[in-house]
Structure formats: structure tokens, C-alpha cells
PDB file of N, CA and C in Angstrom:
ATOM      1  N   MET A   1      62.886 -58.757  -9.875  1.00  0.00           N
ATOM      2  CA  MET A   1      62.794 -57.522 -10.624  1.00  0.00           C
ATOM      3  C   MET A   1      63.160 -57.793 -12.081  1.00  0.00           C
ATOM      4  N   HIS A   2      62.411 -57.190 -12.981  1.00  0.00           N
ATOM      5  CA  HIS A   2      62.681 -57.313 -14.408  1.00  0.00           C
ATOM      6  C   HIS A   2      62.586 -55.928 -15.032  1.00  0.00           C
ATOM      7  N   LEU A   3      63.570 -55.561 -15.829  1.00  0.00           N
ATOM      8  CA  LEU A   3      63.571 -54.260 -16.492  1.00  0.00           C
ATOM      9  C   LEU A   3      62.875 -54.363 -17.837  1.00  0.00           C
ATOM     10  N   THR A   4      62.087 -53.355 -18.160  1.00  0.00           N
ATOM     11  CA  THR A   4      61.432 -53.306 -19.467  1.00  0.00           C
ATOM     12  C   THR A   4      62.462 -52.918 -20.524  1.00  0.00           C
ATOM     13  N   ASP A   5      62.086 -53.088 -21.779  1.00  0.00           N
ATOM     14  CA  ASP A   5      62.979 -52.681 -22.870  1.00  0.00           C
ATOM     15  C   ASP A   5      63.288 -51.189 -22.788  1.00  0.00           C
ATOM     16  N   ALA A   6      62.294 -50.386 -22.414  1.00  0.00           N
ATOM     17  CA  ALA A   6      62.501 -48.937 -22.295  1.00  0.00           C
ATOM     18  C   ALA A   6      63.506 -48.629 -21.176  1.00  0.00           C
ATOM     19  N   GLN A   7      63.392 -49.350 -20.051  1.00  0.00           N
ATOM     20  CA  GLN A   7      64.343 -49.148 -18.957  1.00  0.00           C
ATOM     21  C   GLN A   7      65.749 -49.579 -19.361  1.00  0.00           C
ATOM     22  N   LEU A   8      65.846 -50.704 -20.050  1.00  0.00           N
ATOM     23  CA  LEU A   8      67.157 -51.169 -20.525  1.00  0.00           C
ATOM     24  C   LEU A   8      67.796 -50.141 -21.449  1.00  0.00           C
ATOM     25  N   ALA A   9      67.010 -49.583 -22.356  1.00  0.00           N
ATOM     26  CA  ALA A   9      67.525 -48.588 -23.298  1.00  0.00           C
ATOM     27  C   ALA A   9      67.979 -47.323 -22.568  1.00  0.00           C
ATOM     28  N   LYS A  10      67.199 -46.894 -21.575  1.00  0.00           N
ATOM     29  CA  LYS A  10      67.543 -45.692 -20.818  1.00  0.00           C
ATOM     30  C   LYS A  10      68.841 -45.891 -20.039  1.00  0.00           C
ATOM     31  N   ILE A  11      69.002 -47.061 -19.448  1.00  0.00           N
ATOM     32  CA  ILE A  11      70.227 -47.372 -18.713  1.00  0.00           C
ATOM     33  C   ILE A  11      71.419 -47.437 -19.663  1.00  0.00           C
ATOM     34  N   ALA A  12      71.245 -48.105 -20.786  1.00  0.00           N
ATOM     35  CA  ALA A  12      72.333 -48.221 -21.766  1.00  0.00           C
ATOM     36  C   ALA A  12      72.771 -46.848 -22.258  1.00  0.00           C
ATOM     37  N   LYS A  13      71.808 -45.978 -22.490  1.00  0.00           N
ATOM     38  CA  LYS A  13      72.135 -44.617 -22.938  1.00  0.00           C
ATOM     39  C   LYS A  13      72.891 -43.864 -21.844  1.00  0.00           C
ATOM     40  N   ALA A  14      72.462 -44.018 -20.590  1.00  0.00           N
ATOM     41  CA  ALA A  14      73.152 -43.351 -19.483  1.00  0.00           C
ATOM     42  C   ALA A  14      74.584 -43.862 -19.334  1.00  0.00           C
ATOM     43  N   LEU A  15      74.787 -45.144 -19.592  1.00  0.00           N
ATOM     44  CA  LEU A  15      76.123 -45.737 -19.480  1.00  0.00           C
ATOM     45  C   LEU A  15      77.028 -45.393 -20.657  1.00  0.00           C
ATOM     46  N   GLY A  16      76.461 -44.769 -21.672  1.00  0.00           N
ATOM     47  CA  GLY A  16      77.217 -44.454 -22.879  1.00  0.00           C
ATOM     48  C   GLY A  16      78.092 -43.227 -22.784  1.00  0.00           C
ATOM     49  N   ASP A  17      78.277 -42.689 -21.603  1.00  0.00           N
ATOM     50  CA  ASP A  17      79.114 -41.495 -21.429  1.00  0.00           C
ATOM     51  C   ASP A  17      80.232 -41.806 -20.438  1.00  0.00           C
ATOM     52  N   GLU A  18      81.460 -41.499 -20.795  1.00  0.00           N
ATOM     53  CA  GLU A  18      82.602 -41.839 -19.951  1.00  0.00           C
ATOM     54  C   GLU A  18      82.577 -41.129 -18.597  1.00  0.00           C
ATOM     55  N   HIS A  19      82.025 -39.913 -18.542  1.00  0.00           N
ATOM     56  CA  HIS A  19      81.954 -39.191 -17.269  1.00  0.00           C
ATOM     57  C   HIS A  19      80.946 -39.848 -16.327  1.00  0.00           C
ATOM     58  N   ARG A  20      79.832 -40.300 -16.870  1.00  0.00           N
ATOM     59  CA  ARG A  20      78.846 -40.984 -16.030  1.00  0.00           C
ATOM     60  C   ARG A  20      79.397 -42.317 -15.535  1.00  0.00           C
ATOM     61  N   LEU A  21      80.156 -43.006 -16.387  1.00  0.00           N
ATOM     62  CA  LEU A  21      80.807 -44.248 -15.940  1.00  0.00           C
ATOM     63  C   LEU A  21      81.773 -43.960 -14.796  1.00  0.00           C
ATOM     64  N   GLN A  22      82.526 -42.869 -14.907  1.00  0.00           N
ATOM     65  CA  GLN A  22      83.466 -42.502 -13.847  1.00  0.00           C
ATOM     66  C   GLN A  22      82.730 -42.188 -12.543  1.00  0.00           C
ATOM     67  N   ILE A  23      81.597 -41.510 -12.650  1.00  0.00           N
ATOM     68  CA  ILE A  23      80.799 -41.216 -11.458  1.00  0.00           C
ATOM     69  C   ILE A  23      80.346 -42.520 -10.805  1.00  0.00           C
ATOM     70  N   LEU A  24      79.883 -43.484 -11.606  1.00  0.00           N
ATOM     71  CA  LEU A  24      79.455 -44.773 -11.053  1.00  0.00           C
ATOM     72  C   LEU A  24      80.612 -45.507 -10.380  1.00  0.00           C
ATOM     73  N   VAL A  25      81.769 -45.506 -11.003  1.00  0.00           N
ATOM     74  CA  VAL A  25      82.948 -46.156 -10.420  1.00  0.00           C
ATOM     75  C   VAL A  25      83.303 -45.485  -9.097  1.00  0.00           C
ATOM     76  N   THR A  26      83.284 -44.166  -9.073  1.00  0.00           N
ATOM     77  CA  THR A  26      83.590 -43.416  -7.854  1.00  0.00           C
ATOM     78  C   THR A  26      82.589 -43.749  -6.754  1.00  0.00           C
ATOM     79  N   LEU A  27      81.303 -43.794  -7.101  1.00  0.00           N
ATOM     80  CA  LEU A  27      80.276 -44.131  -6.112  1.00  0.00           C
ATOM     81  C   LEU A  27      80.413 -45.572  -5.620  1.00  0.00           C
ATOM     82  N   GLY A  28      80.901 -46.441  -6.464  1.00  0.00           N
ATOM     83  CA  GLY A  28      81.073 -47.838  -6.075  1.00  0.00           C
ATOM     84  C   GLY A  28      82.148 -48.047  -5.030  1.00  0.00           C
ATOM     85  N   GLN A  29      82.995 -47.055  -4.811  1.00  0.00           N
ATOM     86  CA  GLN A  29      84.084 -47.183  -3.849  1.00  0.00           C
ATOM     87  C   GLN A  29      83.641 -46.908  -2.415  1.00  0.00           C
ATOM     88  N   ARG A  30      82.462 -46.305  -2.253  1.00  0.00           N
ATOM     89  CA  ARG A  30      81.938 -45.995  -0.917  1.00  0.00           C
ATOM     90  C   ARG A  30      80.433 -46.238  -0.900  1.00  0.00           C
ATOM     91  N   PRO A  31      79.864 -46.489   0.259  1.00  0.00           N
ATOM     92  CA  PRO A  31      78.425 -46.742   0.322  1.00  0.00           C
ATOM     93  C   PRO A  31      77.590 -45.521  -0.075  1.00  0.00           C
ATOM     94  N   SER A  32      78.094 -44.316   0.234  1.00  0.00           N
ATOM     95  CA  SER A  32      77.354 -43.089  -0.065  1.00  0.00           C
ATOM     96  C   SER A  32      78.338 -41.939  -0.152  1.00  0.00           C
ATOM     97  N   MET A  33      78.020 -40.960  -0.990  1.00  0.00           N
ATOM     98  CA  MET A  33      78.855 -39.770  -1.124  1.00  0.00           C
ATOM     99  C   MET A  33      77.953 -38.553  -1.263  1.00  0.00           C
ATOM    100  N   VAL A  34      78.468 -37.406  -0.843  1.00  0.00           N
ATOM    101  CA  VAL A  34      77.785 -36.151  -1.091  1.00  0.00           C
ATOM    102  C   VAL A  34      78.183 -35.726  -2.501  1.00  0.00           C
ATOM    103  N   CYS A  35      77.266 -35.118  -3.201  1.00  0.00           N
ATOM    104  CA  CYS A  35      77.476 -34.779  -4.611  1.00  0.00           C
ATOM    105  C   CYS A  35      78.794 -34.039  -4.848  1.00  0.00           C
ATOM    106  N   ASN A  36      79.136 -33.081  -3.993  1.00  0.00           N
ATOM    107  CA  ASN A  36      80.361 -32.312  -4.238  1.00  0.00           C
ATOM    108  C   ASN A  36      81.634 -33.120  -4.019  1.00  0.00           C
ATOM    109  N   GLU A  37      81.554 -34.300  -3.374  1.00  0.00           N
ATOM    110  CA  GLU A  37      82.725 -35.154  -3.203  1.00  0.00           C
ATOM    111  C   GLU A  37      83.128 -35.828  -4.522  1.00  0.00           C
ATOM    112  N   ILE A  38      82.232 -35.865  -5.462  1.00  0.00           N
ATOM    113  CA  ILE A  38      82.508 -36.500  -6.752  1.00  0.00           C
ATOM    114  C   ILE A  38      83.306 -35.567  -7.656  1.00  0.00           C
ATOM    115  N   GLN A  39      83.233 -34.288  -7.394  1.00  0.00           N
ATOM    116  CA  GLN A  39      83.848 -33.295  -8.271  1.00  0.00           C
ATOM    117  C   GLN A  39      85.353 -33.494  -8.418  1.00  0.00           C
ATOM    118  N   ALA A  40      86.070 -33.704  -7.338  1.00  0.00           N
ATOM    119  CA  ALA A  40      87.532 -33.831  -7.411  1.00  0.00           C
ATOM    120  C   ALA A  40      87.977 -35.061  -8.199  1.00  0.00           C
ATOM    121  N   PRO A  41      87.489 -36.272  -7.873  1.00  0.00           N
ATOM    122  CA  PRO A  41      87.973 -37.434  -8.635  1.00  0.00           C
ATOM    123  C   PRO A  41      87.573 -37.400 -10.111  1.00  0.00           C
ATOM    124  N   CYS A  42      86.451 -36.791 -10.417  1.00  0.00           N
ATOM    125  CA  CYS A  42      85.976 -36.770 -11.803  1.00  0.00           C
ATOM    126  C   CYS A  42      86.494 -35.567 -12.589  1.00  0.00           C
ATOM    127  N   GLU A  43      87.051 -34.590 -11.883  1.00  0.00           N
ATOM    128  CA  GLU A  43      87.615 -33.383 -12.512  1.00  0.00           C
ATOM    129  C   GLU A  43      86.614 -32.700 -13.447  1.00  0.00           C
ATOM    130  N   LEU A  44      85.388 -32.541 -12.945  1.00  0.00           N
ATOM    131  CA  LEU A  44      84.344 -31.866 -13.706  1.00  0.00           C
ATOM    132  C   LEU A  44      83.803 -30.707 -12.891  1.00  0.00           C
ATOM    133  N   ALA A  45      83.283 -29.708 -13.577  1.00  0.00           N
ATOM    134  CA  ALA A  45      82.664 -28.573 -12.900  1.00  0.00           C
ATOM    135  C   ALA A  45      81.365 -29.027 -12.238  1.00  0.00           C
ATOM    136  N   GLN A  46      80.963 -28.331 -11.187  1.00  0.00           N
ATOM    137  CA  GLN A  46      79.779 -28.710 -10.428  1.00  0.00           C
ATOM    138  C   GLN A  46      78.519 -28.760 -11.288  1.00  0.00           C
ATOM    139  N   PRO A  47      78.270 -27.787 -12.193  1.00  0.00           N
ATOM    140  CA  PRO A  47      77.070 -27.896 -13.029  1.00  0.00           C
ATOM    141  C   PRO A  47      77.089 -29.137 -13.933  1.00  0.00           C
ATOM    142  N   THR A  48      78.263 -29.523 -14.387  1.00  0.00           N
ATOM    143  CA  THR A  48      78.388 -30.706 -15.234  1.00  0.00           C
ATOM    144  C   THR A  48      78.100 -31.964 -14.423  1.00  0.00           C
ATOM    145  N   ILE A  49      78.615 -32.010 -13.192  1.00  0.00           N
ATOM    146  CA  ILE A  49      78.329 -33.142 -12.301  1.00  0.00           C
ATOM    147  C   ILE A  49      76.823 -33.248 -12.088  1.00  0.00           C
ATOM    148  N   SER A  50      76.174 -32.119 -11.802  1.00  0.00           N
ATOM    149  CA  SER A  50      74.725 -32.121 -11.566  1.00  0.00           C
ATOM    150  C   SER A  50      73.970 -32.658 -12.772  1.00  0.00           C
ATOM    151  N   HIS A  51      74.391 -32.281 -13.963  1.00  0.00           N
ATOM    152  CA  HIS A  51      73.760 -32.763 -15.194  1.00  0.00           C
ATOM    153  C   HIS A  51      73.870 -34.288 -15.290  1.00  0.00           C
ATOM    154  N   HIS A  52      75.065 -34.806 -15.073  1.00  0.00           N
ATOM    155  CA  HIS A  52      75.279 -36.252 -15.175  1.00  0.00           C
ATOM    156  C   HIS A  52      74.558 -37.010 -14.057  1.00  0.00           C
ATOM    157  N   VAL A  53      74.541 -36.449 -12.856  1.00  0.00           N
ATOM    158  CA  VAL A  53      73.840 -37.076 -11.730  1.00  0.00           C
ATOM    159  C   VAL A  53      72.352 -37.175 -12.044  1.00  0.00           C
ATOM    160  N   LYS A  54      71.790 -36.144 -12.641  1.00  0.00           N
ATOM    161  CA  LYS A  54      70.367 -36.167 -12.988  1.00  0.00           C
ATOM    162  C   LYS A  54      70.071 -37.298 -13.977  1.00  0.00           C
ATOM    163  N   ILE A  55      70.910 -37.466 -14.977  1.00  0.00           N
ATOM    164  CA  ILE A  55      70.722 -38.537 -15.961  1.00  0.00           C
ATOM    165  C   ILE A  55      70.837 -39.906 -15.291  1.00  0.00           C
ATOM    166  N   LEU A  56      71.819 -40.068 -14.414  1.00  0.00           N
ATOM    167  CA  LEU A  56      71.997 -41.346 -13.717  1.00  0.00           C
ATOM    168  C   LEU A  56      70.818 -41.634 -12.778  1.00  0.00           C
ATOM    169  N   ALA A  57      70.313 -40.601 -12.129  1.00  0.00           N
ATOM    170  CA  ALA A  57      69.167 -40.780 -11.235  1.00  0.00           C
ATOM    171  C   ALA A  57      67.898 -41.078 -12.032  1.00  0.00           C
ATOM    172  N   ASP A  58      67.713 -40.397 -13.163  1.00  0.00           N
ATOM    173  CA  ASP A  58      66.532 -40.628 -14.003  1.00  0.00           C
ATOM    174  C   ASP A  58      66.507 -42.046 -14.576  1.00  0.00           C
ATOM    175  N   SER A  59      67.685 -42.629 -14.739  1.00  0.00           N
ATOM    176  CA  SER A  59      67.749 -44.006 -15.251  1.00  0.00           C
ATOM    177  C   SER A  59      67.785 -45.026 -14.113  1.00  0.00           C
ATOM    178  N   ASP A  60      67.625 -44.565 -12.883  1.00  0.00           N
ATOM    179  CA  ASP A  60      67.595 -45.412 -11.673  1.00  0.00           C
ATOM    180  C   ASP A  60      68.917 -46.107 -11.365  1.00  0.00           C
ATOM    181  N   LEU A  61      70.014 -45.610 -11.919  1.00  0.00           N
ATOM    182  CA  LEU A  61      71.312 -46.218 -11.620  1.00  0.00           C
ATOM    183  C   LEU A  61      71.870 -45.752 -10.282  1.00  0.00           C
ATOM    184  N   ILE A  62      71.437 -44.565  -9.836  1.00  0.00           N
ATOM    185  CA  ILE A  62      71.848 -44.074  -8.530  1.00  0.00           C
ATOM    186  C   ILE A  62      70.624 -43.638  -7.738  1.00  0.00           C
ATOM    187  N   ILE A  63      70.802 -43.627  -6.443  1.00  0.00           N
ATOM    188  CA  ILE A  63      69.757 -43.175  -5.527  1.00  0.00           C
ATOM    189  C   ILE A  63      70.219 -41.846  -4.948  1.00  0.00           C
ATOM    190  N   THR A  64      69.350 -40.848  -4.970  1.00  0.00           N
ATOM    191  CA  THR A  64      69.673 -39.541  -4.419  1.00  0.00           C
ATOM    192  C   THR A  64      68.779 -39.261  -3.217  1.00  0.00           C
ATOM    193  N   GLU A  65      69.384 -38.677  -2.191  1.00  0.00           N
ATOM    194  CA  GLU A  65      68.646 -38.283  -0.994  1.00  0.00           C
ATOM    195  C   GLU A  65      69.107 -36.900  -0.584  1.00  0.00           C
ATOM    196  N   LYS A  66      68.162 -35.963  -0.540  1.00  0.00           N
ATOM    197  CA  LYS A  66      68.485 -34.596  -0.167  1.00  0.00           C
ATOM    198  C   LYS A  66      68.460 -34.479   1.351  1.00  0.00           C
ATOM    199  N   SER A  67      69.499 -33.866   1.901  1.00  0.00           N
ATOM    200  CA  SER A  67      69.596 -33.628   3.336  1.00  0.00           C
ATOM    201  C   SER A  67      70.096 -32.202   3.528  1.00  0.00           C
ATOM    202  N   GLY A  68      69.172 -31.288   3.780  1.00  0.00           N
ATOM    203  CA  GLY A  68      69.561 -29.882   3.877  1.00  0.00           C
ATOM    204  C   GLY A  68      70.041 -29.395   2.520  1.00  0.00           C
ATOM    205  N   ARG A  69      71.254 -28.854   2.496  1.00  0.00           N
ATOM    206  CA  ARG A  69      71.823 -28.359   1.237  1.00  0.00           C
ATOM    207  C   ARG A  69      72.615 -29.430   0.488  1.00  0.00           C
ATOM    208  N   HIS A  70      72.717 -30.607   1.070  1.00  0.00           N
ATOM    209  CA  HIS A  70      73.539 -31.661   0.476  1.00  0.00           C
ATOM    210  C   HIS A  70      72.687 -32.716  -0.211  1.00  0.00           C
ATOM    211  N   LEU A  71      73.229 -33.232  -1.310  1.00  0.00           N
ATOM    212  CA  LEU A  71      72.594 -34.320  -2.035  1.00  0.00           C
ATOM    213  C   LEU A  71      73.472 -35.550  -1.865  1.00  0.00           C
ATOM    214  N   HIS A  72      72.952 -36.557  -1.161  1.00  0.00           N
ATOM    215  CA  HIS A  72      73.691 -37.799  -0.930  1.00  0.00           C
ATOM    216  C   HIS A  72      73.378 -38.767  -2.071  1.00  0.00           C
ATOM    217  N   LEU A  73      74.429 -39.397  -2.584  1.00  0.00           N
ATOM    218  CA  LEU A  73      74.308 -40.301  -3.722  1.00  0.00           C
ATOM    219  C   LEU A  73      74.808 -41.688  -3.344  1.00  0.00           C
ATOM    220  N   SER A  74      74.152 -42.695  -3.883  1.00  0.00           N
ATOM    221  CA  SER A  74      74.633 -44.067  -3.735  1.00  0.00           C
ATOM    222  C   SER A  74      74.208 -44.860  -4.965  1.00  0.00           C
ATOM    223  N   LEU A  75      74.944 -45.930  -5.228  1.00  0.00           N
ATOM    224  CA  LEU A  75      74.591 -46.794  -6.347  1.00  0.00           C
ATOM    225  C   LEU A  75      73.280 -47.501  -6.061  1.00  0.00           C
ATOM    226  N   ASN A  76      72.476 -47.681  -7.086  1.00  0.00           N
ATOM    227  CA  ASN A  76      71.289 -48.513  -6.970  1.00  0.00           C
ATOM    228  C   ASN A  76      71.736 -49.908  -7.409  1.00  0.00           C
ATOM    229  N   ARG A  77      72.276 -50.640  -6.474  1.00  0.00           N
ATOM    230  CA  ARG A  77      72.885 -51.938  -6.773  1.00  0.00           C
ATOM    231  C   ARG A  77      71.867 -52.933  -7.326  1.00  0.00           C
ATOM    232  N   GLU A  78      70.643 -52.850  -6.876  1.00  0.00           N
ATOM    233  CA  GLU A  78      69.609 -53.770  -7.364  1.00  0.00           C
ATOM    234  C   GLU A  78      69.380 -53.581  -8.864  1.00  0.00           C
ATOM    235  N   VAL A  79      69.274 -52.337  -9.305  1.00  0.00           N
ATOM    236  CA  VAL A  79      69.066 -52.067 -10.730  1.00  0.00           C
ATOM    237  C   VAL A  79      70.300 -52.472 -11.534  1.00  0.00           C
ATOM    238  N   LEU A  80      71.485 -52.163 -11.024  1.00  0.00           N
ATOM    239  CA  LEU A  80      72.714 -52.544 -11.729  1.00  0.00           C
ATOM    240  C   LEU A  80      72.836 -54.063 -11.861  1.00  0.00           C
ATOM    241  N   GLN A  81      72.512 -54.781 -10.804  1.00  0.00           N
ATOM    242  CA  GLN A  81      72.588 -56.244 -10.851  1.00  0.00           C
ATOM    243  C   GLN A  81      71.539 -56.814 -11.810  1.00  0.00           C
ATOM    244  N   THR A  82      70.343 -56.250 -11.791  1.00  0.00           N
ATOM    245  CA  THR A  82      69.291 -56.713 -12.695  1.00  0.00           C
ATOM    246  C   THR A  82      69.679 -56.433 -14.145  1.00  0.00           C
ATOM    247  N   PHE A  83      70.221 -55.244 -14.393  1.00  0.00           N
ATOM    248  CA  PHE A  83      70.650 -54.876 -15.745  1.00  0.00           C
ATOM    249  C   PHE A  83      71.707 -55.855 -16.254  1.00  0.00           C
ATOM    250  N   THR A  84      72.733 -56.110 -15.446  1.00  0.00           N
ATOM    251  CA  THR A  84      73.790 -57.012 -15.903  1.00  0.00           C
ATOM    252  C   THR A  84      73.290 -58.438 -16.071  1.00  0.00           C
ATOM    253  N   ALA A  85      72.376 -58.869 -15.197  1.00  0.00           N
ATOM    254  CA  ALA A  85      71.814 -60.220 -15.326  1.00  0.00           C
ATOM    255  C   ALA A  85      71.012 -60.354 -16.618  1.00  0.00           C
ATOM    256  N   GLN A  86      70.222 -59.330 -16.948  1.00  0.00           N
ATOM    257  CA  GLN A  86      69.440 -59.397 -18.189  1.00  0.00           C
ATOM    258  C   GLN A  86      70.342 -59.384 -19.420  1.00  0.00           C
ATOM    259  N   ILE A  87      71.396 -58.606 -19.376  1.00  0.00           N
ATOM    260  CA  ILE A  87      72.343 -58.582 -20.492  1.00  0.00           C
ATOM    261  C   ILE A  87      73.029 -59.953 -20.614  1.00  0.00           C
ATOM    262  N   GLN A  88      73.437 -60.513 -19.499  1.00  0.00           N
ATOM    263  CA  GLN A  88      74.096 -61.822 -19.528  1.00  0.00           C
ATOM    264  C   GLN A  88      73.168 -62.912 -20.035  1.00  0.00           C
ATOM    265  N   SER A  89      71.867 -62.771 -19.806  1.00  0.00           N
ATOM    266  CA  SER A  89      70.922 -63.795 -20.268  1.00  0.00           C
ATOM    267  C   SER A  89      70.847 -63.843 -21.788  1.00  0.00           C
ATOM    268  N   TRP A  90      71.308 -62.810 -22.454  1.00  0.00           N
ATOM    269  CA  TRP A  90      71.298 -62.781 -23.919  1.00  0.00           C
ATOM    270  C   TRP A  90      72.454 -63.590 -24.513  1.00  0.00           C
ATOM    271  N   LEU A  91      73.462 -63.851 -23.683  1.00  0.00           N
ATOM    272  CA  LEU A  91      74.677 -64.509 -24.193  1.00  0.00           C
ATOM    273  C   LEU A  91      74.533 -66.015 -24.215  1.00  0.00           C
TER     274      LEU A  91
END
């Protein structure tokens, strides 16, 4: 897998917010979480969480799966690993 410059820029922009970084760290602690489980550790209102989740999903950093009324979230480890590998190749 190789990310385009546009994908790299979109990911970098998504990572540029401390709340989105916290969401990623929280998701990294478990294989999958329901969206409302992120609210307590991140101390954000539900609409704010939804906004950040949408940005993370649009940049392919997380995978979302709807199940009834619940939105299950997990890290897209493949994209994260590819992103870090491409960044490291610049060094």
C-alpha cells in the first residue's frame, strides 16, 4: 500500500488536533469501541466526538461499522503503519 500526497496531507491534517489524537490513543487500547465509550475518556460532548470521528474516518485513520443504533470504531492499523513508514522513509 502506498499513500498519495493528498492522502498524506489529509491524514496529517486530521492528526493536527489534540482531541483526535486522544481518540486514536483511546481506540488503540482496545480492538474496537462503541462511539459513546470514547466520550468519558476524552471528556467531550457527543456532537463533538461525532465531528472528530467523521474527520478521522474520512482520512481512513479509523474504521466505522454501524450496528443498529451503535457505531463501532477501530483503528485502521494498515493506514497508520503505511503513514508512519512513508514519513520514516523521508528521514
